[in-house]
């Protein structure tokens, strides 16, 4: 079952981008006891997102757009966030 932070991330990304593919993967278990592990079980995530909104953006712009949509989550409430953002292929 997805935790509160994961659910919030999914909701924010759905609202911001209406993606054709979205996976918010909780990687926290593989970082237990490492730097940034706050014991919450929601400290490390990977986001895989595909959305038409990314069509005219480069990789850096896509990552910035995802971070902006997530507000205070990256860096404040989540220690590490890997982003794989792409546009659908025609």
PDB file of N, CA and C in Angstrom:
ATOM      1  N   UNK A   1       0.842  -1.191   0.000  1.00  0.00           N
ATOM      2  CA  UNK A   1       0.000   0.000   0.000  1.00  0.00           C
ATOM      3  C   UNK A   1       0.885   1.252   0.000  1.00  0.00           C
ATOM      4  N   UNK A   2       0.514   2.207  -0.811  1.00  0.00           N
ATOM      5  CA  UNK A   2       1.271   3.455  -0.923  1.00  0.00           C
ATOM      6  C   UNK A   2       1.103   4.297   0.331  1.00  0.00           C
ATOM      7  N   UNK A   3       2.207   4.903   0.751  1.00  0.00           N
ATOM      8  CA  UNK A   3       2.181   5.788   1.903  1.00  0.00           C
ATOM      9  C   UNK A   3       1.612   7.147   1.545  1.00  0.00           C
ATOM     10  N   UNK A   4       1.462   7.990   2.543  1.00  0.00           N
ATOM     11  CA  UNK A   4       0.858   9.305   2.376  1.00  0.00           C
ATOM     12  C   UNK A   4       1.637  10.188   1.402  1.00  0.00           C
ATOM     13  N   UNK A   5       2.954  10.213   1.519  1.00  0.00           N
ATOM     14  CA  UNK A   5       3.767  11.054   0.634  1.00  0.00           C
ATOM     15  C   UNK A   5       3.662  10.550  -0.798  1.00  0.00           C
ATOM     16  N   UNK A   6       3.740   9.237  -0.977  1.00  0.00           N
ATOM     17  CA  UNK A   6       3.629   8.658  -2.315  1.00  0.00           C
ATOM     18  C   UNK A   6       2.280   8.994  -2.950  1.00  0.00           C
ATOM     19  N   UNK A   7       1.219   8.872  -2.197  1.00  0.00           N
ATOM     20  CA  UNK A   7      -0.117   9.204  -2.707  1.00  0.00           C
ATOM     21  C   UNK A   7      -0.219  10.679  -3.081  1.00  0.00           C
ATOM     22  N   UNK A   8       0.357  11.538  -2.263  1.00  0.00           N
ATOM     23  CA  UNK A   8       0.333  12.974  -2.546  1.00  0.00           C
ATOM     24  C   UNK A   8       1.115  13.285  -3.822  1.00  0.00           C
ATOM     25  N   UNK A   9       2.264  12.631  -3.988  1.00  0.00           N
ATOM     26  CA  UNK A   9       3.061  12.843  -5.193  1.00  0.00           C
ATOM     27  C   UNK A   9       2.271  12.408  -6.430  1.00  0.00           C
ATOM     28  N   UNK A  10       1.628  11.262  -6.370  1.00  0.00           N
ATOM     29  CA  UNK A  10       0.835  10.763  -7.492  1.00  0.00           C
ATOM     30  C   UNK A  10      -0.276  11.748  -7.848  1.00  0.00           C
ATOM     31  N   UNK A  11      -0.961  12.251  -6.840  1.00  0.00           N
ATOM     32  CA  UNK A  11      -2.065  13.193  -7.056  1.00  0.00           C
ATOM     33  C   UNK A  11      -1.567  14.486  -7.696  1.00  0.00           C
ATOM     34  N   UNK A  12      -0.492  15.051  -7.158  1.00  0.00           N
ATOM     35  CA  UNK A  12       0.045  16.298  -7.692  1.00  0.00           C
ATOM     36  C   UNK A  12       0.496  16.146  -9.144  1.00  0.00           C
ATOM     37  N   UNK A  13       1.154  15.042  -9.455  1.00  0.00           N
ATOM     38  CA  UNK A  13       1.636  14.822 -10.813  1.00  0.00           C
ATOM     39  C   UNK A  13       0.492  14.566 -11.790  1.00  0.00           C
ATOM     40  N   UNK A  14      -0.528  13.856 -11.350  1.00  0.00           N
ATOM     41  CA  UNK A  14      -1.707  13.641 -12.203  1.00  0.00           C
ATOM     42  C   UNK A  14      -2.377  14.973 -12.523  1.00  0.00           C
ATOM     43  N   UNK A  15      -2.541  15.805 -11.517  1.00  0.00           N
ATOM     44  CA  UNK A  15      -3.194  17.107 -11.706  1.00  0.00           C
ATOM     45  C   UNK A  15      -2.369  18.024 -12.605  1.00  0.00           C
ATOM     46  N   UNK A  16      -1.060  18.012 -12.446  1.00  0.00           N
ATOM     47  CA  UNK A  16      -0.196  18.934 -13.185  1.00  0.00           C
ATOM     48  C   UNK A  16       0.012  18.520 -14.640  1.00  0.00           C
ATOM     49  N   UNK A  17       0.074  17.218 -14.913  1.00  0.00           N
ATOM     50  CA  UNK A  17       0.500  16.777 -16.242  1.00  0.00           C
ATOM     51  C   UNK A  17      -0.469  15.856 -16.988  1.00  0.00           C
ATOM     52  N   UNK A  18      -1.489  15.326 -16.340  1.00  0.00           N
ATOM     53  CA  UNK A  18      -2.371  14.333 -16.967  1.00  0.00           C
ATOM     54  C   UNK A  18      -1.541  13.309 -17.753  1.00  0.00           C
ATOM     55  N   UNK A  19      -0.640  12.618 -17.079  1.00  0.00           N
ATOM     56  CA  UNK A  19       0.301  11.744 -17.779  1.00  0.00           C
ATOM     57  C   UNK A  19      -0.356  10.530 -18.430  1.00  0.00           C
ATOM     58  N   UNK A  20       0.289  10.048 -19.478  1.00  0.00           N
ATOM     59  CA  UNK A  20      -0.127   8.806 -20.120  1.00  0.00           C
ATOM     60  C   UNK A  20       0.495   7.611 -19.396  1.00  0.00           C
ATOM     61  N   UNK A  21       1.538   7.871 -18.631  1.00  0.00           N
ATOM     62  CA  UNK A  21       2.169   6.852 -17.785  1.00  0.00           C
ATOM     63  C   UNK A  21       2.692   7.537 -16.539  1.00  0.00           C
ATOM     64  N   UNK A  22       2.446   6.926 -15.391  1.00  0.00           N
ATOM     65  CA  UNK A  22       2.972   7.455 -14.143  1.00  0.00           C
ATOM     66  C   UNK A  22       3.261   6.314 -13.195  1.00  0.00           C
ATOM     67  N   UNK A  23       4.494   6.265 -12.723  1.00  0.00           N
ATOM     68  CA  UNK A  23       4.893   5.332 -11.680  1.00  0.00           C
ATOM     69  C   UNK A  23       5.651   6.127 -10.632  1.00  0.00           C
ATOM     70  N   UNK A  24       5.190   6.064  -9.405  1.00  0.00           N
ATOM     71  CA  UNK A  24       5.922   6.646  -8.281  1.00  0.00           C
ATOM     72  C   UNK A  24       6.380   5.456  -7.450  1.00  0.00           C
ATOM     73  N   UNK A  25       7.670   5.204  -7.496  1.00  0.00           N
ATOM     74  CA  UNK A  25       8.244   3.996  -6.896  1.00  0.00           C
ATOM     75  C   UNK A  25       8.972   4.373  -5.609  1.00  0.00           C
ATOM     76  N   UNK A  26       8.589   3.741  -4.521  1.00  0.00           N
ATOM     77  CA  UNK A  26       9.216   3.986  -3.231  1.00  0.00           C
ATOM     78  C   UNK A  26      10.473   3.116  -3.128  1.00  0.00           C
ATOM     79  N   UNK A  27      11.629   3.765  -3.165  1.00  0.00           N
ATOM     80  CA  UNK A  27      12.922   3.083  -3.076  1.00  0.00           C
ATOM     81  C   UNK A  27      13.497   3.108  -1.663  1.00  0.00           C
ATOM     82  N   UNK A  28      12.742   3.550  -0.702  1.00  0.00           N
ATOM     83  CA  UNK A  28      13.258   3.803   0.643  1.00  0.00           C
ATOM     84  C   UNK A  28      13.833   2.562   1.315  1.00  0.00           C
ATOM     85  N   UNK A  29      13.227   1.421   1.113  1.00  0.00           N
ATOM     86  CA  UNK A  29      13.694   0.202   1.785  1.00  0.00           C
ATOM     87  C   UNK A  29      15.137  -0.125   1.424  1.00  0.00           C
ATOM     88  N   UNK A  30      15.528   0.173   0.193  1.00  0.00           N
ATOM     89  CA  UNK A  30      16.900  -0.138  -0.212  1.00  0.00           C
ATOM     90  C   UNK A  30      17.899   0.901   0.305  1.00  0.00           C
ATOM     91  N   UNK A  31      17.416   1.940   0.977  1.00  0.00           N
ATOM     92  CA  UNK A  31      18.294   2.966   1.544  1.00  0.00           C
ATOM     93  C   UNK A  31      18.211   3.016   3.069  1.00  0.00           C
ATOM     94  N   UNK A  32      17.567   2.027   3.671  1.00  0.00           N
ATOM     95  CA  UNK A  32      17.409   1.992   5.129  1.00  0.00           C
ATOM     96  C   UNK A  32      18.770   2.054   5.812  1.00  0.00           C
ATOM     97  N   UNK A  33      18.879   2.940   6.760  1.00  0.00           N
ATOM     98  CA  UNK A  33      20.118   3.093   7.515  1.00  0.00           C
ATOM     99  C   UNK A  33      21.154   3.979   6.838  1.00  0.00           C
ATOM    100  N   UNK A  34      20.898   4.409   5.627  1.00  0.00           N
ATOM    101  CA  UNK A  34      21.827   5.277   4.904  1.00  0.00           C
ATOM    102  C   UNK A  34      21.502   6.742   5.174  1.00  0.00           C
ATOM    103  N   UNK A  35      22.351   7.611   4.684  1.00  0.00           N
ATOM    104  CA  UNK A  35      22.131   9.042   4.820  1.00  0.00           C
ATOM    105  C   UNK A  35      20.785   9.424   4.207  1.00  0.00           C
ATOM    106  N   UNK A  36      20.047  10.224   4.900  1.00  0.00           N
ATOM    107  CA  UNK A  36      18.765  10.692   4.399  1.00  0.00           C
ATOM    108  C   UNK A  36      17.593   9.821   4.797  1.00  0.00           C
ATOM    109  N   UNK A  37      17.845   8.637   5.341  1.00  0.00           N
ATOM    110  CA  UNK A  37      16.758   7.766   5.800  1.00  0.00           C
ATOM    111  C   UNK A  37      16.243   8.318   7.119  1.00  0.00           C
ATOM    112  N   UNK A  38      15.032   8.815   7.093  1.00  0.00           N
ATOM    113  CA  UNK A  38      14.470   9.420   8.299  1.00  0.00           C
ATOM    114  C   UNK A  38      13.614   8.443   9.102  1.00  0.00           C
ATOM    115  N   UNK A  39      13.549   7.198   8.664  1.00  0.00           N
ATOM    116  CA  UNK A  39      12.776   6.198   9.380  1.00  0.00           C
ATOM    117  C   UNK A  39      11.306   6.178   9.008  1.00  0.00           C
ATOM    118  N   UNK A  40      10.879   7.086   8.129  1.00  0.00           N
ATOM    119  CA  UNK A  40       9.468   7.170   7.747  1.00  0.00           C
ATOM    120  C   UNK A  40       9.075   6.113   6.731  1.00  0.00           C
ATOM    121  N   UNK A  41      10.066   5.548   6.051  1.00  0.00           N
ATOM    122  CA  UNK A  41       9.767   4.620   4.966  1.00  0.00           C
ATOM    123  C   UNK A  41       9.386   5.332   3.685  1.00  0.00           C
ATOM    124  N   UNK A  42       9.506   6.668   3.682  1.00  0.00           N
ATOM    125  CA  UNK A  42       9.186   7.460   2.498  1.00  0.00           C
ATOM    126  C   UNK A  42      10.233   8.560   2.312  1.00  0.00           C
ATOM    127  N   UNK A  43      11.474   8.144   2.136  1.00  0.00           N
ATOM    128  CA  UNK A  43      12.560   9.113   2.003  1.00  0.00           C
ATOM    129  C   UNK A  43      13.211   9.128   0.624  1.00  0.00           C
ATOM    130  N   UNK A  44      13.042   8.050  -0.148  1.00  0.00           N
ATOM    131  CA  UNK A  44      13.681   7.914  -1.457  1.00  0.00           C
ATOM    132  C   UNK A  44      12.663   7.413  -2.480  1.00  0.00           C
ATOM    133  N   UNK A  45      12.543   8.127  -3.602  1.00  0.00           N
ATOM    134  CA  UNK A  45      11.565   7.751  -4.627  1.00  0.00           C
ATOM    135  C   UNK A  45      12.156   7.874  -6.023  1.00  0.00           C
ATOM    136  N   UNK A  46      11.571   7.124  -6.942  1.00  0.00           N
ATOM    137  CA  UNK A  46      11.808   7.277  -8.366  1.00  0.00           C
ATOM    138  C   UNK A  46      10.465   7.591  -9.000  1.00  0.00           C
ATOM    139  N   UNK A  47      10.434   8.607  -9.852  1.00  0.00           N
ATOM    140  CA  UNK A  47       9.233   8.958 -10.608  1.00  0.00           C
ATOM    141  C   UNK A  47       9.503   8.672 -12.078  1.00  0.00           C
ATOM    142  N   UNK A  48       8.649   7.851 -12.667  1.00  0.00           N
ATOM    143  CA  UNK A  48       8.681   7.592 -14.100  1.00  0.00           C
ATOM    144  C   UNK A  48       7.389   8.192 -14.646  1.00  0.00           C
ATOM    145  N   UNK A  49       7.521   9.205 -15.480  1.00  0.00           N
ATOM    146  CA  UNK A  49       6.348   9.921 -15.960  1.00  0.00           C
ATOM    147  C   UNK A  49       6.480  10.210 -17.453  1.00  0.00           C
ATOM    148  N   UNK A  50       5.397   9.978 -18.161  1.00  0.00           N
ATOM    149  CA  UNK A  50       5.320  10.280 -19.586  1.00  0.00           C
ATOM    150  C   UNK A  50       4.082  11.146 -19.782  1.00  0.00           C
ATOM    151  N   UNK A  51       4.271  12.314 -20.398  1.00  0.00           N
ATOM    152  CA  UNK A  51       3.154  13.239 -20.576  1.00  0.00           C
ATOM    153  C   UNK A  51       3.370  14.101 -21.810  1.00  0.00           C
ATOM    154  N   UNK A  52       2.297  14.399 -22.539  1.00  0.00           N
ATOM    155  CA  UNK A  52       2.407  15.281 -23.696  1.00  0.00           C
ATOM    156  C   UNK A  52       2.994  16.654 -23.344  1.00  0.00           C
ATOM    157  N   UNK A  53       2.796  17.100 -22.124  1.00  0.00           N
ATOM    158  CA  UNK A  53       3.306  18.411 -21.695  1.00  0.00           C
ATOM    159  C   UNK A  53       4.825  18.511 -21.810  1.00  0.00           C
ATOM    160  N   UNK A  54       5.513  17.374 -21.849  1.00  0.00           N
ATOM    161  CA  UNK A  54       6.973  17.373 -21.916  1.00  0.00           C
ATOM    162  C   UNK A  54       7.517  17.423 -23.340  1.00  0.00           C
ATOM    163  N   UNK A  55       6.643  17.445 -24.330  1.00  0.00           N
ATOM    164  CA  UNK A  55       7.060  17.321 -25.736  1.00  0.00           C
ATOM    165  C   UNK A  55       8.086  18.361 -26.168  1.00  0.00           C
ATOM    166  N   UNK A  56       7.943  19.590 -25.753  1.00  0.00           N
ATOM    167  CA  UNK A  56       8.850  20.650 -26.199  1.00  0.00           C
ATOM    168  C   UNK A  56       9.880  21.039 -25.141  1.00  0.00           C
ATOM    169  N   UNK A  57      10.084  20.161 -24.159  1.00  0.00           N
ATOM    170  CA  UNK A  57      11.033  20.439 -23.079  1.00  0.00           C
ATOM    171  C   UNK A  57      12.247  19.531 -23.194  1.00  0.00           C
ATOM    172  N   UNK A  58      13.412  20.062 -22.793  1.00  0.00           N
ATOM    173  CA  UNK A  58      14.590  19.201 -22.698  1.00  0.00           C
ATOM    174  C   UNK A  58      14.568  18.500 -21.334  1.00  0.00           C
ATOM    175  N   UNK A  59      15.543  17.641 -21.102  1.00  0.00           N
ATOM    176  CA  UNK A  59      15.583  16.838 -19.875  1.00  0.00           C
ATOM    177  C   UNK A  59      15.577  17.699 -18.614  1.00  0.00           C
ATOM    178  N   UNK A  60      16.368  18.748 -18.598  1.00  0.00           N
ATOM    179  CA  UNK A  60      16.453  19.615 -17.419  1.00  0.00           C
ATOM    180  C   UNK A  60      15.123  20.328 -17.180  1.00  0.00           C
ATOM    181  N   UNK A  61      14.499  20.828 -18.234  1.00  0.00           N
ATOM    182  CA  UNK A  61      13.205  21.501 -18.096  1.00  0.00           C
ATOM    183  C   UNK A  61      12.136  20.544 -17.562  1.00  0.00           C
ATOM    184  N   UNK A  62      12.171  19.305 -18.020  1.00  0.00           N
ATOM    185  CA  UNK A  62      11.212  18.299 -17.537  1.00  0.00           C
ATOM    186  C   UNK A  62      11.397  18.047 -16.053  1.00  0.00           C
ATOM    187  N   UNK A  63      12.656  17.890 -15.636  1.00  0.00           N
ATOM    188  CA  UNK A  63      12.920  17.646 -14.219  1.00  0.00           C
ATOM    189  C   UNK A  63      12.499  18.840 -13.367  1.00  0.00           C
ATOM    190  N   UNK A  64      12.767  20.029 -13.854  1.00  0.00           N
ATOM    191  CA  UNK A  64      12.347  21.233 -13.111  1.00  0.00           C
ATOM    192  C   UNK A  64      10.828  21.311 -13.007  1.00  0.00           C
ATOM    193  N   UNK A  65      10.127  20.955 -14.078  1.00  0.00           N
ATOM    194  CA  UNK A  65       8.661  20.989 -14.067  1.00  0.00           C
ATOM    195  C   UNK A  65       8.100  19.991 -13.057  1.00  0.00           C
ATOM    196  N   UNK A  66       8.687  18.811 -12.997  1.00  0.00           N
ATOM    197  CA  UNK A  66       8.232  17.799 -12.030  1.00  0.00           C
ATOM    198  C   UNK A  66       8.500  18.288 -10.611  1.00  0.00           C
ATOM    199  N   UNK A  67       9.705  18.785 -10.352  1.00  0.00           N
ATOM    200  CA  UNK A  67      10.022  19.303  -9.020  1.00  0.00           C
ATOM    201  C   UNK A  67       9.081  20.437  -8.619  1.00  0.00           C
ATOM    202  N   UNK A  68       8.783  21.339  -9.561  1.00  0.00           N
ATOM    203  CA  UNK A  68       7.881  22.457  -9.266  1.00  0.00           C
ATOM    204  C   UNK A  68       6.482  21.942  -8.924  1.00  0.00           C
ATOM    205  N   UNK A  69       6.001  20.961  -9.675  1.00  0.00           N
ATOM    206  CA  UNK A  69       4.668  20.404  -9.416  1.00  0.00           C
ATOM    207  C   UNK A  69       4.591  19.741  -8.047  1.00  0.00           C
ATOM    208  N   UNK A  70       5.719  19.222  -7.565  1.00  0.00           N
ATOM    209  CA  UNK A  70       5.738  18.534  -6.272  1.00  0.00           C
ATOM    210  C   UNK A  70       5.928  19.481  -5.090  1.00  0.00           C
ATOM    211  N   UNK A  71       6.125  20.751  -5.355  1.00  0.00           N
ATOM    212  CA  UNK A  71       6.207  21.744  -4.280  1.00  0.00           C
ATOM    213  C   UNK A  71       7.327  21.475  -3.293  1.00  0.00           C
ATOM    214  N   UNK A  72       6.976  21.375  -2.006  1.00  0.00           N
ATOM    215  CA  UNK A  72       7.986  21.221  -0.956  1.00  0.00           C
ATOM    216  C   UNK A  72       8.410  19.778  -0.729  1.00  0.00           C
ATOM    217  N   UNK A  73       7.878  18.847  -1.504  1.00  0.00           N
ATOM    218  CA  UNK A  73       8.213  17.439  -1.267  1.00  0.00           C
ATOM    219  C   UNK A  73       9.688  17.154  -1.544  1.00  0.00           C
ATOM    220  N   UNK A  74      10.207  17.459  -2.748  1.00  0.00           N
ATOM    221  CA  UNK A  74      11.635  17.185  -2.983  1.00  0.00           C
ATOM    222  C   UNK A  74      12.526  18.095  -2.134  1.00  0.00           C
ATOM    223  N   UNK A  75      13.451  17.495  -1.437  1.00  0.00           N
ATOM    224  CA  UNK A  75      14.397  18.278  -0.651  1.00  0.00           C
ATOM    225  C   UNK A  75      13.936  18.629   0.743  1.00  0.00           C
ATOM    226  N   UNK A  76      12.640  18.702   0.944  1.00  0.00           N
ATOM    227  CA  UNK A  76      12.112  19.026   2.269  1.00  0.00           C
ATOM    228  C   UNK A  76      11.545  17.770   2.948  1.00  0.00           C
ATOM    229  N   UNK A  77      10.637  17.103   2.258  1.00  0.00           N
ATOM    230  CA  UNK A  77       9.964  15.940   2.847  1.00  0.00           C
ATOM    231  C   UNK A  77      10.489  14.620   2.303  1.00  0.00           C
ATOM    232  N   UNK A  78      11.187  14.672   1.180  1.00  0.00           N
ATOM    233  CA  UNK A  78      11.795  13.487   0.582  1.00  0.00           C
ATOM    234  C   UNK A  78      13.276  13.790   0.373  1.00  0.00           C
ATOM    235  N   UNK A  79      14.126  12.881   0.806  1.00  0.00           N
ATOM    236  CA  UNK A  79      15.577  13.104   0.720  1.00  0.00           C
ATOM    237  C   UNK A  79      16.083  12.986  -0.713  1.00  0.00           C
ATOM    238  N   UNK A  80      15.605  11.983  -1.449  1.00  0.00           N
ATOM    239  CA  UNK A  80      16.120  11.748  -2.796  1.00  0.00           C
ATOM    240  C   UNK A  80      14.979  11.432  -3.760  1.00  0.00           C
ATOM    241  N   UNK A  81      15.054  12.043  -4.941  1.00  0.00           N
ATOM    242  CA  UNK A  81      14.035  11.840  -5.959  1.00  0.00           C
ATOM    243  C   UNK A  81      14.711  11.701  -7.318  1.00  0.00           C
ATOM    244  N   UNK A  82      14.597  10.519  -7.905  1.00  0.00           N
ATOM    245  CA  UNK A  82      15.097  10.287  -9.262  1.00  0.00           C
ATOM    246  C   UNK A  82      13.918  10.481 -10.214  1.00  0.00           C
ATOM    247  N   UNK A  83      14.136  11.236 -11.287  1.00  0.00           N
ATOM    248  CA  UNK A  83      13.049  11.554 -12.215  1.00  0.00           C
ATOM    249  C   UNK A  83      13.412  11.067 -13.608  1.00  0.00           C
ATOM    250  N   UNK A  84      12.511  10.300 -14.190  1.00  0.00           N
ATOM    251  CA  UNK A  84      12.614   9.873 -15.574  1.00  0.00           C
ATOM    252  C   UNK A  84      11.366  10.405 -16.267  1.00  0.00           C
ATOM    253  N   UNK A  85      11.493  11.556 -16.920  1.00  0.00           N
ATOM    254  CA  UNK A  85      10.354  12.221 -17.553  1.00  0.00           C
ATOM    255  C   UNK A  85      10.523  12.202 -19.063  1.00  0.00           C
ATOM    256  N   UNK A  86       9.449  11.876 -19.761  1.00  0.00           N
ATOM    257  CA  UNK A  86       9.500  11.835 -21.220  1.00  0.00           C
ATOM    258  C   UNK A  86       8.146  12.202 -21.807  1.00  0.00           C
ATOM    259  N   UNK A  87       8.166  12.483 -23.096  1.00  0.00           N
ATOM    260  CA  UNK A  87       6.944  12.730 -23.841  1.00  0.00           C
ATOM    261  C   UNK A  87       6.574  11.442 -24.578  1.00  0.00           C
ATOM    262  N   UNK A  88       5.290  11.212 -24.834  1.00  0.00           N
ATOM    263  CA  UNK A  88       4.901  10.015 -25.586  1.00  0.00           C
ATOM    264  C   UNK A  88       5.516  10.061 -26.980  1.00  0.00           C
ATOM    265  N   UNK A  89       5.900   8.916 -27.482  1.00  0.00           N
ATOM    266  CA  UNK A  89       6.434   8.858 -28.843  1.00  0.00           C
ATOM    267  C   UNK A  89       5.287   8.741 -29.828  1.00  0.00           C
ATOM    268  N   UNK A  90       5.357   9.474 -30.929  1.00  0.00           N
ATOM    269  CA  UNK A  90       4.259   9.447 -31.891  1.00  0.00           C
ATOM    270  C   UNK A  90       4.126   8.108 -32.597  1.00  0.00           C
TER     271      UNK A  90
END
